Amino acid sequence: MATEIIKIGPVPVQITNGTNSALISVLGSNAISFSDSEISPDKNHGDYLRDRLIVTPPNKIWLWCSNPWKVEVAVTRW
């Protein structure tokens, strides 16, 4: 299991595709938004993540933030 650092901005990024599990950890103190969706989600209907999230199949998780700067997250998939 390798950990990948991803910079999240205002455009939703798909983190899991429904076939893998993942641990998503927000690096820093900024909140990001997430949603379980087949396609790029409506950014007005996400939940907030400030710490960690464990994702299991069949969830397809997308991340984004509304900050003017990008937020780093660590993603470990298995």
C-alpha atoms as a PDB file:
ATOM      1  CA  MET A   1       0.000   0.000   0.000  1.00  0.00           C
ATOM      2  CA  ALA A   2       1.485   3.265  -1.122  1.00  0.00           C
ATOM      3  CA  THR A   3       0.292   6.644   0.069  1.00  0.00           C
ATOM      4  CA  GLU A   4      -0.267   9.357  -2.510  1.00  0.00           C
ATOM      5  CA  ILE A   5      -0.437  13.083  -1.710  1.00  0.00           C
ATOM      6  CA  ILE A   6      -3.088  14.848  -3.802  1.00  0.00           C
ATOM      7  CA  LYS A   7      -3.791  18.588  -3.964  1.00  0.00           C
ATOM      8  CA  ILE A   8      -7.529  19.267  -3.934  1.00  0.00           C
ATOM      9  CA  GLY A   9      -8.977  22.433  -5.465  1.00  0.00           C
ATOM     10  CA  PRO A  10     -12.408  23.598  -6.650  1.00  0.00           C
ATOM     11  CA  VAL A  11     -12.750  20.942  -9.370  1.00  0.00           C
ATOM     12  CA  PRO A  12     -14.006  17.565  -8.014  1.00  0.00           C
ATOM     13  CA  VAL A  13     -11.386  14.789  -8.160  1.00  0.00           C
ATOM     14  CA  GLN A  14     -12.416  11.116  -8.141  1.00  0.00           C
ATOM     15  CA  ILE A  15     -10.507   9.269  -5.389  1.00  0.00           C
ATOM     16  CA  THR A  16     -12.090   5.800  -5.509  1.00  0.00           C
ATOM     17  CA  ASN A  17     -13.806   4.054  -8.414  1.00  0.00           C
ATOM     18  CA  GLY A  18     -15.937   1.596  -6.444  1.00  0.00           C
ATOM     19  CA  THR A  19     -13.541  -1.354  -6.677  1.00  0.00           C
ATOM     20  CA  ASN A  20     -10.972  -0.374  -4.060  1.00  0.00           C
ATOM     21  CA  SER A  21     -10.844   0.752  -0.443  1.00  0.00           C
ATOM     22  CA  ALA A  22      -9.021   3.879   0.684  1.00  0.00           C
ATOM     23  CA  LEU A  23      -8.002   5.880   3.729  1.00  0.00           C
ATOM     24  CA  ILE A  24      -8.293   9.606   3.013  1.00  0.00           C
ATOM     25  CA  SER A  25      -6.545  11.955   5.460  1.00  0.00           C
ATOM     26  CA  VAL A  26      -6.775  15.743   5.270  1.00  0.00           C
ATOM     27  CA  LEU A  27      -3.354  17.303   5.835  1.00  0.00           C
ATOM     28  CA  GLY A  28      -3.693  20.560   7.752  1.00  0.00           C
ATOM     29  CA  SER A  29      -6.703  22.178   9.368  1.00  0.00           C
ATOM     30  CA  ASN A  30      -8.833  23.008   6.320  1.00  0.00           C
ATOM     31  CA  ALA A  31     -12.085  21.220   5.570  1.00  0.00           C
ATOM     32  CA  ILE A  32     -12.784  19.716   2.161  1.00  0.00           C
ATOM     33  CA  SER A  33     -16.007  18.477   0.635  1.00  0.00           C
ATOM     34  CA  PHE A  34     -16.739  14.925  -0.468  1.00  0.00           C
ATOM     35  CA  SER A  35     -19.507  13.029  -2.187  1.00  0.00           C
ATOM     36  CA  ASP A  36     -20.285   9.457  -3.266  1.00  0.00           C
ATOM     37  CA  SER A  37     -21.303   9.754  -6.905  1.00  0.00           C
ATOM     38  CA  GLU A  38     -21.141   7.920 -10.241  1.00  0.00           C
ATOM     39  CA  ILE A  39     -20.222  11.157 -12.039  1.00  0.00           C
ATOM     40  CA  SER A  40     -18.661  14.470 -11.025  1.00  0.00           C
ATOM     41  CA  PRO A  41     -20.982  15.655  -8.242  1.00  0.00           C
ATOM     42  CA  ASP A  42     -22.917  18.866  -7.786  1.00  0.00           C
ATOM     43  CA  LYS A  43     -20.548  20.857  -5.565  1.00  0.00           C
ATOM     44  CA  ASN A  44     -23.500  22.303  -3.619  1.00  0.00           C
ATOM     45  CA  HIS A  45     -24.464  18.896  -2.173  1.00  0.00           C
ATOM     46  CA  GLY A  46     -21.361  17.448  -0.509  1.00  0.00           C
ATOM     47  CA  ASP A  47     -20.488  16.617   3.061  1.00  0.00           C
ATOM     48  CA  TYR A  48     -17.472  18.075   4.896  1.00  0.00           C
ATOM     49  CA  LEU A  49     -14.335  16.195   5.874  1.00  0.00           C
ATOM     50  CA  ARG A  50     -11.804  17.658   8.322  1.00  0.00           C
ATOM     51  CA  ASP A  51      -9.847  14.620   9.465  1.00  0.00           C
ATOM     52  CA  ARG A  52     -10.043  11.088   8.009  1.00  0.00           C
ATOM     53  CA  LEU A  53     -12.412   8.954   6.005  1.00  0.00           C
ATOM     54  CA  ILE A  54     -12.263   5.223   5.268  1.00  0.00           C
ATOM     55  CA  VAL A  55     -13.952   4.280   2.006  1.00  0.00           C
ATOM     56  CA  THR A  56     -14.985   0.751   0.985  1.00  0.00           C
ATOM     57  CA  PRO A  57     -16.517  -0.601  -2.244  1.00  0.00           C
ATOM     58  CA  PRO A  58     -18.872   0.137  -3.927  1.00  0.00           C
ATOM     59  CA  ASN A  59     -18.466   3.816  -2.916  1.00  0.00           C
ATOM     60  CA  LYS A  60     -17.124   6.192  -5.571  1.00  0.00           C
ATOM     61  CA  ILE A  61     -15.729   9.151  -3.655  1.00  0.00           C
ATOM     62  CA  TRP A  62     -14.999  12.591  -5.098  1.00  0.00           C
ATOM     63  CA  LEU A  63     -13.191  15.409  -3.235  1.00  0.00           C
ATOM     64  CA  TRP A  64     -13.084  19.190  -3.750  1.00  0.00           C
ATOM     65  CA  CYS A  65     -12.703  22.374  -1.699  1.00  0.00           C
ATOM     66  CA  SER A  66     -14.066  25.887  -1.928  1.00  0.00           C
ATOM     67  CA  ASN A  67     -10.911  27.561  -0.596  1.00  0.00           C
ATOM     68  CA  PRO A  68      -8.976  29.884  -2.911  1.00  0.00           C
ATOM     69  CA  TRP A  69      -5.917  27.691  -2.232  1.00  0.00           C
ATOM     70  CA  LYS A  70      -5.458  23.939  -2.689  1.00  0.00           C
ATOM     71  CA  VAL A  71      -5.650  21.517   0.238  1.00  0.00           C
ATOM     72  CA  GLU A  72      -3.414  18.445   0.451  1.00  0.00           C
ATOM     73  CA  VAL A  73      -4.835  15.040   1.279  1.00  0.00           C
ATOM     74  CA  ALA A  74      -3.049  11.721   1.764  1.00  0.00           C
ATOM     75  CA  VAL A  75      -4.728   8.773   0.050  1.00  0.00           C
ATOM     76  CA  THR A  76      -3.789   5.162   0.781  1.00  0.00           C
ATOM     77  CA  ARG A  77      -5.615   2.637  -1.413  1.00  0.00           C
ATOM     78  CA  TRP A  78      -5.876  -1.141  -1.052  1.00  0.00           C
END
